[in-house]
Amino acid sequence: MALEEFFEPTVMFFGLTNSPATFQAMMNELLRNLINTGKVAVFIDAVIIGMEMEEGHDEIVAEVIRRLEENDLYVKPEKCKWIVREVGFLWVVIGPEGIKIEKEKVKGVLK
């Protein structure tokens, strides 16, 4: 038998292993004290800033953006929603009345 008969190509991917979990841990550490206040929530690359009063909101937004920029992370303004009373986040809607499931998700279940 020739050596070629035993040869099989090997493909090894050297992508980032556990990158979502690693990124989540980095974001949690980066914004930890803001998360602990209950005014900021993070899920991988989604950040939500929610406050009962508008007072102080701009300062927290500025602080989040400053920390992201210091770590070479940036927001895309066209993907952001600014100063809204209700927002979709992780397949739920968060607003003054509390947390509700998105209507589209409910329709999908009822079909």
PDB file of N, CA and C in Angstrom:
ATOM      1  N   MET A   1       0.832  -1.178   0.000  1.00  0.00           N
ATOM      2  CA  MET A   1       0.000   0.000   0.000  1.00  0.00           C
ATOM      3  C   MET A   1       0.877   1.242   0.000  1.00  0.00           C
ATOM      4  N   ALA A   2       0.423   2.203  -0.754  1.00  0.00           N
ATOM      5  CA  ALA A   2       1.164   3.458  -0.835  1.00  0.00           C
ATOM      6  C   ALA A   2       0.774   4.356   0.327  1.00  0.00           C
ATOM      7  N   LEU A   3       1.677   5.210   0.683  1.00  0.00           N
ATOM      8  CA  LEU A   3       1.443   6.142   1.780  1.00  0.00           C
ATOM      9  C   LEU A   3       0.218   7.005   1.519  1.00  0.00           C
ATOM     10  N   GLU A   4      -0.031   7.353   0.252  1.00  0.00           N
ATOM     11  CA  GLU A   4      -1.163   8.201  -0.092  1.00  0.00           C
ATOM     12  C   GLU A   4      -2.492   7.579   0.293  1.00  0.00           C
ATOM     13  N   GLU A   5      -2.555   6.255   0.357  1.00  0.00           N
ATOM     14  CA  GLU A   5      -3.809   5.589   0.692  1.00  0.00           C
ATOM     15  C   GLU A   5      -4.179   5.814   2.158  1.00  0.00           C
ATOM     16  N   PHE A   6      -3.235   6.145   2.990  1.00  0.00           N
ATOM     17  CA  PHE A   6      -3.505   6.363   4.406  1.00  0.00           C
ATOM     18  C   PHE A   6      -3.663   7.845   4.756  1.00  0.00           C
ATOM     19  N   PHE A   7      -3.434   8.673   3.753  1.00  0.00           N
ATOM     20  CA  PHE A   7      -3.471  10.102   4.004  1.00  0.00           C
ATOM     21  C   PHE A   7      -4.893  10.626   3.888  1.00  0.00           C
ATOM     22  N   GLU A   8      -5.347  11.335   4.898  1.00  0.00           N
ATOM     23  CA  GLU A   8      -6.627  12.036   4.834  1.00  0.00           C
ATOM     24  C   GLU A   8      -6.372  13.478   5.227  1.00  0.00           C
ATOM     25  N   PRO A   9      -6.922  14.398   4.471  1.00  0.00           N
ATOM     26  CA  PRO A   9      -6.692  15.799   4.832  1.00  0.00           C
ATOM     27  C   PRO A   9      -7.336  16.113   6.185  1.00  0.00           C
ATOM     28  N   THR A  10      -6.669  16.923   6.928  1.00  0.00           N
ATOM     29  CA  THR A  10      -7.183  17.346   8.228  1.00  0.00           C
ATOM     30  C   THR A  10      -7.460  18.835   8.173  1.00  0.00           C
ATOM     31  N   VAL A  11      -8.635  19.200   8.588  1.00  0.00           N
ATOM     32  CA  VAL A  11      -9.005  20.606   8.639  1.00  0.00           C
ATOM     33  C   VAL A  11      -9.197  20.959  10.110  1.00  0.00           C
ATOM     34  N   MET A  12      -8.483  21.961  10.544  1.00  0.00           N
ATOM     35  CA  MET A  12      -8.591  22.392  11.930  1.00  0.00           C
ATOM     36  C   MET A  12      -8.991  23.860  11.939  1.00  0.00           C
ATOM     37  N   PHE A  13     -10.112  24.149  12.564  1.00  0.00           N
ATOM     38  CA  PHE A  13     -10.587  25.523  12.639  1.00  0.00           C
ATOM     39  C   PHE A  13     -10.045  26.147  13.918  1.00  0.00           C
ATOM     40  N   PHE A  14      -9.481  27.303  13.775  1.00  0.00           N
ATOM     41  CA  PHE A  14      -8.927  27.993  14.929  1.00  0.00           C
ATOM     42  C   PHE A  14      -9.730  29.255  15.240  1.00  0.00           C
ATOM     43  N   GLY A  15     -11.040  29.157  15.087  1.00  0.00           N
ATOM     44  CA  GLY A  15     -11.906  30.285  15.423  1.00  0.00           C
ATOM     45  C   GLY A  15     -11.953  30.475  16.925  1.00  0.00           C
ATOM     46  N   LEU A  16     -12.693  31.458  17.329  1.00  0.00           N
ATOM     47  CA  LEU A  16     -12.804  31.732  18.744  1.00  0.00           C
ATOM     48  C   LEU A  16     -13.693  30.680  19.402  1.00  0.00           C
ATOM     49  N   THR A  17     -13.162  30.020  20.385  1.00  0.00           N
ATOM     50  CA  THR A  17     -13.925  29.026  21.127  1.00  0.00           C
ATOM     51  C   THR A  17     -14.662  29.724  22.260  1.00  0.00           C
ATOM     52  N   ASN A  18     -15.922  29.387  22.435  1.00  0.00           N
ATOM     53  CA  ASN A  18     -16.751  29.984  23.489  1.00  0.00           C
ATOM     54  C   ASN A  18     -16.814  31.502  23.386  1.00  0.00           C
ATOM     55  N   SER A  19     -16.726  32.043  22.180  1.00  0.00           N
ATOM     56  CA  SER A  19     -16.689  33.496  22.051  1.00  0.00           C
ATOM     57  C   SER A  19     -17.932  34.193  22.600  1.00  0.00           C
ATOM     58  N   PRO A  20     -19.172  33.673  22.412  1.00  0.00           N
ATOM     59  CA  PRO A  20     -20.304  34.374  23.029  1.00  0.00           C
ATOM     60  C   PRO A  20     -20.196  34.423  24.554  1.00  0.00           C
ATOM     61  N   ALA A  21     -19.815  33.320  25.168  1.00  0.00           N
ATOM     62  CA  ALA A  21     -19.688  33.305  26.626  1.00  0.00           C
ATOM     63  C   ALA A  21     -18.556  34.217  27.083  1.00  0.00           C
ATOM     64  N   THR A  22     -17.470  34.227  26.352  1.00  0.00           N
ATOM     65  CA  THR A  22     -16.342  35.085  26.696  1.00  0.00           C
ATOM     66  C   THR A  22     -16.726  36.554  26.548  1.00  0.00           C
ATOM     67  N   PHE A  23     -17.433  36.884  25.462  1.00  0.00           N
ATOM     68  CA  PHE A  23     -17.863  38.261  25.247  1.00  0.00           C
ATOM     69  C   PHE A  23     -18.857  38.678  26.323  1.00  0.00           C
ATOM     70  N   GLN A  24     -19.771  37.774  26.688  1.00  0.00           N
ATOM     71  CA  GLN A  24     -20.740  38.077  27.740  1.00  0.00           C
ATOM     72  C   GLN A  24     -20.021  38.372  29.053  1.00  0.00           C
ATOM     73  N   ALA A  25     -19.036  37.561  29.397  1.00  0.00           N
ATOM     74  CA  ALA A  25     -18.280  37.778  30.636  1.00  0.00           C
ATOM     75  C   ALA A  25     -17.549  39.117  30.598  1.00  0.00           C
ATOM     76  N   MET A  26     -16.998  39.464  29.443  1.00  0.00           N
ATOM     77  CA  MET A  26     -16.299  40.743  29.315  1.00  0.00           C
ATOM     78  C   MET A  26     -17.268  41.911  29.490  1.00  0.00           C
ATOM     79  N   MET A  27     -18.438  41.824  28.865  1.00  0.00           N
ATOM     80  CA  MET A  27     -19.427  42.890  28.985  1.00  0.00           C
ATOM     81  C   MET A  27     -19.923  43.011  30.425  1.00  0.00           C
ATOM     82  N   ASN A  28     -20.139  41.869  31.080  1.00  0.00           N
ATOM     83  CA  ASN A  28     -20.580  41.897  32.480  1.00  0.00           C
ATOM     84  C   ASN A  28     -19.549  42.587  33.356  1.00  0.00           C
ATOM     85  N   GLU A  29     -18.274  42.295  33.120  1.00  0.00           N
ATOM     86  CA  GLU A  29     -17.209  42.911  33.915  1.00  0.00           C
ATOM     87  C   GLU A  29     -17.099  44.405  33.600  1.00  0.00           C
ATOM     88  N   LEU A  30     -17.215  44.742  32.339  1.00  0.00           N
ATOM     89  CA  LEU A  30     -17.086  46.118  31.894  1.00  0.00           C
ATOM     90  C   LEU A  30     -18.164  47.028  32.490  1.00  0.00           C
ATOM     91  N   LEU A  31     -19.368  46.491  32.613  1.00  0.00           N
ATOM     92  CA  LEU A  31     -20.507  47.292  33.079  1.00  0.00           C
ATOM     93  C   LEU A  31     -21.039  46.835  34.439  1.00  0.00           C
ATOM     94  N   ARG A  32     -20.233  46.059  35.171  1.00  0.00           N
ATOM     95  CA  ARG A  32     -20.694  45.423  36.410  1.00  0.00           C
ATOM     96  C   ARG A  32     -21.414  46.361  37.375  1.00  0.00           C
ATOM     97  N   ASN A  33     -20.806  47.474  37.730  1.00  0.00           N
ATOM     98  CA  ASN A  33     -21.449  48.326  38.737  1.00  0.00           C
ATOM     99  C   ASN A  33     -22.740  48.956  38.217  1.00  0.00           C
ATOM    100  N   LEU A  34     -22.847  49.190  36.916  1.00  0.00           N
ATOM    101  CA  LEU A  34     -24.092  49.707  36.346  1.00  0.00           C
ATOM    102  C   LEU A  34     -25.158  48.613  36.304  1.00  0.00           C
ATOM    103  N   ILE A  35     -24.746  47.393  36.026  1.00  0.00           N
ATOM    104  CA  ILE A  35     -25.675  46.261  36.046  1.00  0.00           C
ATOM    105  C   ILE A  35     -26.201  46.060  37.470  1.00  0.00           C
ATOM    106  N   ASN A  36     -25.317  46.174  38.452  1.00  0.00           N
ATOM    107  CA  ASN A  36     -25.708  45.976  39.848  1.00  0.00           C
ATOM    108  C   ASN A  36     -26.710  47.010  40.343  1.00  0.00           C
ATOM    109  N   THR A  37     -26.779  48.171  39.707  1.00  0.00           N
ATOM    110  CA  THR A  37     -27.770  49.175  40.099  1.00  0.00           C
ATOM    111  C   THR A  37     -29.158  48.816  39.584  1.00  0.00           C
ATOM    112  N   GLY A  38     -29.230  47.875  38.644  1.00  0.00           N
ATOM    113  CA  GLY A  38     -30.514  47.495  38.064  1.00  0.00           C
ATOM    114  C   GLY A  38     -30.951  48.406  36.930  1.00  0.00           C
ATOM    115  N   LYS A  39     -30.101  49.318  36.520  1.00  0.00           N
ATOM    116  CA  LYS A  39     -30.452  50.249  35.451  1.00  0.00           C
ATOM    117  C   LYS A  39     -29.928  49.810  34.091  1.00  0.00           C
ATOM    118  N   VAL A  40     -29.018  48.846  34.086  1.00  0.00           N
ATOM    119  CA  VAL A  40     -28.414  48.356  32.848  1.00  0.00           C
ATOM    120  C   VAL A  40     -28.507  46.838  32.825  1.00  0.00           C
ATOM    121  N   ALA A  41     -28.870  46.301  31.672  1.00  0.00           N
ATOM    122  CA  ALA A  41     -28.875  44.856  31.468  1.00  0.00           C
ATOM    123  C   ALA A  41     -28.102  44.569  30.182  1.00  0.00           C
ATOM    124  N   VAL A  42     -27.388  43.454  30.156  1.00  0.00           N
ATOM    125  CA  VAL A  42     -26.570  43.102  28.998  1.00  0.00           C
ATOM    126  C   VAL A  42     -26.838  41.653  28.633  1.00  0.00           C
ATOM    127  N   PHE A  43     -27.022  41.405  27.348  1.00  0.00           N
ATOM    128  CA  PHE A  43     -27.073  40.041  26.825  1.00  0.00           C
ATOM    129  C   PHE A  43     -26.203  40.009  25.591  1.00  0.00           C
ATOM    130  N   ILE A  44     -25.036  39.446  25.732  1.00  0.00           N
ATOM    131  CA  ILE A  44     -24.002  39.372  24.709  1.00  0.00           C
ATOM    132  C   ILE A  44     -23.707  40.769  24.170  1.00  0.00           C
ATOM    133  N   ASP A  45     -24.269  41.153  23.016  1.00  0.00           N
ATOM    134  CA  ASP A  45     -23.956  42.472  22.467  1.00  0.00           C
ATOM    135  C   ASP A  45     -25.139  43.432  22.534  1.00  0.00           C
ATOM    136  N   ALA A  46     -26.148  43.079  23.304  1.00  0.00           N
ATOM    137  CA  ALA A  46     -27.306  43.954  23.468  1.00  0.00           C
ATOM    138  C   ALA A  46     -27.275  44.566  24.867  1.00  0.00           C
ATOM    139  N   VAL A  47     -27.356  45.875  24.916  1.00  0.00           N
ATOM    140  CA  VAL A  47     -27.349  46.597  26.189  1.00  0.00           C
ATOM    141  C   VAL A  47     -28.650  47.376  26.281  1.00  0.00           C
ATOM    142  N   ILE A  48     -29.332  47.243  27.407  1.00  0.00           N
ATOM    143  CA  ILE A  48     -30.550  48.023  27.629  1.00  0.00           C
ATOM    144  C   ILE A  48     -30.355  48.844  28.893  1.00  0.00           C
ATOM    145  N   ILE A  49     -30.744  50.099  28.794  1.00  0.00           N
ATOM    146  CA  ILE A  49     -30.657  51.015  29.925  1.00  0.00           C
ATOM    147  C   ILE A  49     -32.084  51.433  30.235  1.00  0.00           C
ATOM    148  N   GLY A  50     -32.544  51.097  31.408  1.00  0.00           N
ATOM    149  CA  GLY A  50     -33.918  51.403  31.784  1.00  0.00           C
ATOM    150  C   GLY A  50     -33.991  52.075  33.135  1.00  0.00           C
ATOM    151  N   MET A  51     -34.732  53.164  33.185  1.00  0.00           N
ATOM    152  CA  MET A  51     -34.877  53.904  34.432  1.00  0.00           C
ATOM    153  C   MET A  51     -36.328  54.325  34.595  1.00  0.00           C
ATOM    154  N   GLU A  52     -36.744  54.454  35.827  1.00  0.00           N
ATOM    155  CA  GLU A  52     -38.115  54.889  36.086  1.00  0.00           C
ATOM    156  C   GLU A  52     -38.297  56.370  35.793  1.00  0.00           C
ATOM    157  N   MET A  53     -37.242  57.147  35.990  1.00  0.00           N
ATOM    158  CA  MET A  53     -37.303  58.591  35.766  1.00  0.00           C
ATOM    159  C   MET A  53     -36.301  58.957  34.668  1.00  0.00           C
ATOM    160  N   GLU A  54     -36.584  59.999  33.929  1.00  0.00           N
ATOM    161  CA  GLU A  54     -35.651  60.451  32.894  1.00  0.00           C
ATOM    162  C   GLU A  54     -34.409  61.084  33.497  1.00  0.00           C
ATOM    163  N   GLU A  55     -34.528  61.574  34.704  1.00  0.00           N
ATOM    164  CA  GLU A  55     -33.415  62.238  35.373  1.00  0.00           C
ATOM    165  C   GLU A  55     -32.253  61.261  35.569  1.00  0.00           C
ATOM    166  N   GLY A  56     -31.082  61.637  35.084  1.00  0.00           N
ATOM    167  CA  GLY A  56     -29.892  60.802  35.216  1.00  0.00           C
ATOM    168  C   GLY A  56     -29.693  59.811  34.084  1.00  0.00           C
ATOM    169  N   HIS A  57     -30.694  59.672  33.212  1.00  0.00           N
ATOM    170  CA  HIS A  57     -30.611  58.703  32.113  1.00  0.00           C
ATOM    171  C   HIS A  57     -29.470  59.033  31.163  1.00  0.00           C
ATOM    172  N   ASP A  58     -29.359  60.308  30.780  1.00  0.00           N
ATOM    173  CA  ASP A  58     -28.309  60.711  29.837  1.00  0.00           C
ATOM    174  C   ASP A  58     -26.917  60.428  30.383  1.00  0.00           C
ATOM    175  N   GLU A  59     -26.736  60.612  31.690  1.00  0.00           N
ATOM    176  CA  GLU A  59     -25.424  60.355  32.299  1.00  0.00           C
ATOM    177  C   GLU A  59     -25.053  58.880  32.230  1.00  0.00           C
ATOM    178  N   ILE A  60     -26.025  58.003  32.445  1.00  0.00           N
ATOM    179  CA  ILE A  60     -25.743  56.562  32.386  1.00  0.00           C
ATOM    180  C   ILE A  60     -25.464  56.143  30.949  1.00  0.00           C
ATOM    181  N   VAL A  61     -26.228  56.674  29.998  1.00  0.00           N
ATOM    182  CA  VAL A  61     -25.972  56.378  28.580  1.00  0.00           C
ATOM    183  C   VAL A  61     -24.556  56.816  28.214  1.00  0.00           C
ATOM    184  N   ALA A  62     -24.183  58.010  28.623  1.00  0.00           N
ATOM    185  CA  ALA A  62     -22.843  58.520  28.321  1.00  0.00           C
ATOM    186  C   ALA A  62     -21.767  57.642  28.961  1.00  0.00           C
ATOM    187  N   GLU A  63     -22.010  57.176  30.179  1.00  0.00           N
ATOM    188  CA  GLU A  63     -21.033  56.319  30.860  1.00  0.00           C
ATOM    189  C   GLU A  63     -20.886  54.971  30.152  1.00  0.00           C
ATOM    190  N   VAL A  64     -21.995  54.385  29.723  1.00  0.00           N
ATOM    191  CA  VAL A  64     -21.941  53.116  28.989  1.00  0.00           C
ATOM    192  C   VAL A  64     -21.152  53.304  27.694  1.00  0.00           C
ATOM    193  N   ILE A  65     -21.462  54.346  26.941  1.00  0.00           N
ATOM    194  CA  ILE A  65     -20.767  54.603  25.676  1.00  0.00           C
ATOM    195  C   ILE A  65     -19.282  54.852  25.919  1.00  0.00           C
ATOM    196  N   ARG A  66     -18.957  55.601  26.969  1.00  0.00           N
ATOM    197  CA  ARG A  66     -17.549  55.877  27.293  1.00  0.00           C
ATOM    198  C   ARG A  66     -16.795  54.586  27.581  1.00  0.00           C
ATOM    199  N   ARG A  67     -17.395  53.704  28.387  1.00  0.00           N
ATOM    200  CA  ARG A  67     -16.731  52.434  28.714  1.00  0.00           C
ATOM    201  C   ARG A  67     -16.561  51.550  27.486  1.00  0.00           C
ATOM    202  N   LEU A  68     -17.568  51.534  26.634  1.00  0.00           N
ATOM    203  CA  LEU A  68     -17.451  50.743  25.402  1.00  0.00           C
ATOM    204  C   LEU A  68     -16.323  51.278  24.529  1.00  0.00           C
ATOM    205  N   GLU A  69     -16.286  52.584  24.332  1.00  0.00           N
ATOM    206  CA  GLU A  69     -15.247  53.182  23.493  1.00  0.00           C
ATOM    207  C   GLU A  69     -13.854  52.949  24.059  1.00  0.00           C
ATOM    208  N   GLU A  70     -13.706  53.027  25.387  1.00  0.00           N
ATOM    209  CA  GLU A  70     -12.410  52.777  26.012  1.00  0.00           C
ATOM    210  C   GLU A  70     -11.904  51.362  25.736  1.00  0.00           C
ATOM    211  N   ASN A  71     -12.825  50.452  25.425  1.00  0.00           N
ATOM    212  CA  ASN A  71     -12.474  49.065  25.153  1.00  0.00           C
ATOM    213  C   ASN A  71     -12.634  48.714  23.676  1.00  0.00           C
ATOM    214  N   ASP A  72     -12.590  49.738  22.835  1.00  0.00           N
ATOM    215  CA  ASP A  72     -12.702  49.581  21.374  1.00  0.00           C
ATOM    216  C   ASP A  72     -13.978  48.866  20.947  1.00  0.00           C
ATOM    217  N   LEU A  73     -15.059  49.147  21.641  1.00  0.00           N
ATOM    218  CA  LEU A  73     -16.383  48.643  21.293  1.00  0.00           C
ATOM    219  C   LEU A  73     -17.248  49.857  20.964  1.00  0.00           C
ATOM    220  N   TYR A  74     -18.070  49.738  19.942  1.00  0.00           N
ATOM    221  CA  TYR A  74     -18.846  50.888  19.498  1.00  0.00           C
ATOM    222  C   TYR A  74     -20.276  50.484  19.223  1.00  0.00           C
ATOM    223  N   VAL A  75     -21.180  51.452  19.350  1.00  0.00           N
ATOM    224  CA  VAL A  75     -22.583  51.211  19.039  1.00  0.00           C
ATOM    225  C   VAL A  75     -22.865  51.708  17.629  1.00  0.00           C
ATOM    226  N   LYS A  76     -23.850  51.103  17.009  1.00  0.00           N
ATOM    227  CA  LYS A  76     -24.321  51.589  15.715  1.00  0.00           C
ATOM    228  C   LYS A  76     -25.591  52.383  15.997  1.00  0.00           C
ATOM    229  N   PRO A  77     -25.522  53.698  15.890  1.00  0.00           N
ATOM    230  CA  PRO A  77     -26.688  54.521  16.242  1.00  0.00           C
ATOM    231  C   PRO A  77     -27.961  54.110  15.516  1.00  0.00           C
ATOM    232  N   GLU A  78     -27.831  53.640  14.260  1.00  0.00           N
ATOM    233  CA  GLU A  78     -29.028  53.259  13.510  1.00  0.00           C
ATOM    234  C   GLU A  78     -29.706  52.006  14.076  1.00  0.00           C
ATOM    235  N   LYS A  79     -28.992  51.246  14.915  1.00  0.00           N
ATOM    236  CA  LYS A  79     -29.589  50.070  15.546  1.00  0.00           C
ATOM    237  C   LYS A  79     -30.109  50.358  16.949  1.00  0.00           C
ATOM    238  N   CYS A  80     -29.892  51.583  17.409  1.00  0.00           N
ATOM    239  CA  CYS A  80     -30.285  51.953  18.769  1.00  0.00           C
ATOM    240  C   CYS A  80     -31.675  52.577  18.790  1.00  0.00           C
ATOM    241  N   LYS A  81     -32.317  52.444  19.928  1.00  0.00           N
ATOM    242  CA  LYS A  81     -33.580  53.136  20.173  1.00  0.00           C
ATOM    243  C   LYS A  81     -33.317  54.033  21.363  1.00  0.00           C
ATOM    244  N   TRP A  82     -33.583  55.310  21.189  1.00  0.00           N
ATOM    245  CA  TRP A  82     -33.252  56.294  22.213  1.00  0.00           C
ATOM    246  C   TRP A  82     -34.512  56.849  22.853  1.00  0.00           C
ATOM    247  N   ILE A  83     -34.529  56.906  24.147  1.00  0.00           N
ATOM    248  CA  ILE A  83     -35.597  57.507  24.943  1.00  0.00           C
ATOM    249  C   ILE A  83     -36.976  57.023  24.483  1.00  0.00           C
ATOM    250  N   VAL A  84     -37.235  55.759  24.698  1.00  0.00           N
ATOM    251  CA  VAL A  84     -38.523  55.166  24.369  1.00  0.00           C
ATOM    252  C   VAL A  84     -39.185  54.671  25.650  1.00  0.00           C
ATOM    253  N   ARG A  85     -40.501  54.581  25.641  1.00  0.00           N
ATOM    254  CA  ARG A  85     -41.229  54.111  26.825  1.00  0.00           C
ATOM    255  C   ARG A  85     -41.364  52.592  26.828  1.00  0.00           C
ATOM    256  N   GLU A  86     -41.182  51.993  25.658  1.00  0.00           N
ATOM    257  CA  GLU A  86     -41.340  50.542  25.535  1.00  0.00           C
ATOM    258  C   GLU A  86     -40.322  50.046  24.516  1.00  0.00           C
ATOM    259  N   VAL A  87     -39.716  48.893  24.794  1.00  0.00           N
ATOM    260  CA  VAL A  87     -38.689  48.393  23.885  1.00  0.00           C
ATOM    261  C   VAL A  87     -38.712  46.867  23.866  1.00  0.00           C
ATOM    262  N   GLY A  88     -38.469  46.296  22.692  1.00  0.00           N
ATOM    263  CA  GLY A  88     -38.318  44.850  22.572  1.00  0.00           C
ATOM    264  C   GLY A  88     -36.896  44.459  22.938  1.00  0.00           C
ATOM    265  N   PHE A  89     -36.766  43.444  23.764  1.00  0.00           N
ATOM    266  CA  PHE A  89     -35.448  43.001  24.213  1.00  0.00           C
ATOM    267  C   PHE A  89     -35.542  41.515  24.504  1.00  0.00           C
ATOM    268  N   LEU A  90     -34.784  40.713  23.772  1.00  0.00           N
ATOM    269  CA  LEU A  90     -34.755  39.260  23.975  1.00  0.00           C
ATOM    270  C   LEU A  90     -36.147  38.642  23.908  1.00  0.00           C
ATOM    271  N   TRP A  91     -36.893  38.972  22.892  1.00  0.00           N
ATOM    272  CA  TRP A  91     -38.191  38.385  22.599  1.00  0.00           C
ATOM    273  C   TRP A  91     -39.284  38.746  23.591  1.00  0.00           C
ATOM    274  N   VAL A  92     -39.051  39.783  24.389  1.00  0.00           N
ATOM    275  CA  VAL A  92     -40.088  40.318  25.258  1.00  0.00           C
ATOM    276  C   VAL A  92     -40.154  41.822  25.047  1.00  0.00           C
ATOM    277  N   VAL A  93     -41.224  42.423  25.527  1.00  0.00           N
ATOM    278  CA  VAL A  93     -41.387  43.870  25.455  1.00  0.00           C
ATOM    279  C   VAL A  93     -41.339  44.394  26.892  1.00  0.00           C
ATOM    280  N   ILE A  94     -40.456  45.330  27.129  1.00  0.00           N
ATOM    281  CA  ILE A  94     -40.289  45.907  28.456  1.00  0.00           C
ATOM    282  C   ILE A  94     -40.819  47.330  28.413  1.00  0.00           C
ATOM    283  N   GLY A  95     -41.705  47.648  29.351  1.00  0.00           N
ATOM    284  CA  GLY A  95     -42.278  48.991  29.399  1.00  0.00           C
ATOM    285  C   GLY A  95     -42.819  49.309  30.770  1.00  0.00           C
ATOM    286  N   PRO A  96     -43.543  50.417  30.885  1.00  0.00           N
ATOM    287  CA  PRO A  96     -44.065  50.854  32.184  1.00  0.00           C
ATOM    288  C   PRO A  96     -45.013  49.832  32.831  1.00  0.00           C
ATOM    289  N   GLU A  97     -45.679  49.039  32.014  1.00  0.00           N
ATOM    290  CA  GLU A  97     -46.606  48.032  32.551  1.00  0.00           C
ATOM    291  C   GLU A  97     -45.909  46.740  32.943  1.00  0.00           C
ATOM    292  N   GLY A  98     -44.612  46.670  32.745  1.00  0.00           N
ATOM    293  CA  GLY A  98     -43.859  45.465  33.089  1.00  0.00           C
ATOM    294  C   GLY A  98     -43.309  44.781  31.845  1.00  0.00           C
ATOM    295  N   ILE A  99     -43.153  43.470  31.944  1.00  0.00           N
ATOM    296  CA  ILE A  99     -42.568  42.674  30.858  1.00  0.00           C
ATOM    297  C   ILE A  99     -43.653  41.810  30.236  1.00  0.00           C
ATOM    298  N   LYS A 100     -43.764  41.885  28.911  1.00  0.00           N
ATOM    299  CA  LYS A 100     -44.757  41.107  28.166  1.00  0.00           C
ATOM    300  C   LYS A 100     -44.053  40.350  27.041  1.00  0.00           C
ATOM    301  N   ILE A 101     -44.621  39.245  26.630  1.00  0.00           N
ATOM    302  CA  ILE A 101     -44.099  38.512  25.476  1.00  0.00           C
ATOM    303  C   ILE A 101     -44.476  39.278  24.215  1.00  0.00           C
ATOM    304  N   GLU A 102     -43.581  39.317  23.242  1.00  0.00           N
ATOM    305  CA  GLU A 102     -43.876  39.988  21.970  1.00  0.00           C
ATOM    306  C   GLU A 102     -45.109  39.358  21.327  1.00  0.00           C
ATOM    307  N   LYS A 103     -45.970  40.203  20.764  1.00  0.00           N
ATOM    308  CA  LYS A 103     -47.217  39.723  20.161  1.00  0.00           C
ATOM    309  C   LYS A 103     -46.965  38.715  19.048  1.00  0.00           C
ATOM    310  N   GLU A 104     -45.916  38.908  18.265  1.00  0.00           N
ATOM    311  CA  GLU A 104     -45.600  37.976  17.179  1.00  0.00           C
ATOM    312  C   GLU A 104     -45.294  36.580  17.717  1.00  0.00           C
ATOM    313  N   LYS A 105     -44.637  36.521  18.870  1.00  0.00           N
ATOM    314  CA  LYS A 105     -44.306  35.219  19.479  1.00  0.00           C
ATOM    315  C   LYS A 105     -45.575  34.528  19.952  1.00  0.00           C
ATOM    316  N   VAL A 106     -46.517  35.284  20.490  1.00  0.00           N
ATOM    317  CA  VAL A 106     -47.781  34.720  20.959  1.00  0.00           C
ATOM    318  C   VAL A 106     -48.579  34.193  19.773  1.00  0.00           C
ATOM    319  N   LYS A 107     -48.603  34.950  18.671  1.00  0.00           N
ATOM    320  CA  LYS A 107     -49.325  34.513  17.470  1.00  0.00           C
ATOM    321  C   LYS A 107     -48.763  33.196  16.955  1.00  0.00           C
ATOM    322  N   GLY A 108     -47.449  33.057  17.007  1.00  0.00           N
ATOM    323  CA  GLY A 108     -46.816  31.826  16.543  1.00  0.00           C
ATOM    324  C   GLY A 108     -47.212  30.626  17.375  1.00  0.00           C
ATOM    325  N   VAL A 109     -47.409  30.807  18.639  1.00  0.00           N
ATOM    326  CA  VAL A 109     -47.798  29.714  19.539  1.00  0.00           C
ATOM    327  C   VAL A 109     -49.259  29.345  19.335  1.00  0.00           C
ATOM    328  N   LEU A 110     -50.106  30.342  19.089  1.00  0.00           N
ATOM    329  CA  LEU A 110     -51.543  30.108  18.955  1.00  0.00           C
ATOM    330  C   LEU A 110     -51.946  29.527  17.611  1.00  0.00           C
ATOM    331  N   LYS A 111     -51.059  29.526  16.639  1.00  0.00           N
ATOM    332  CA  LYS A 111     -51.415  28.988  15.306  1.00  0.00           C
ATOM    333  C   LYS A 111     -51.560  27.508  15.336  1.00  0.00           C
TER     334      LYS A 111
END
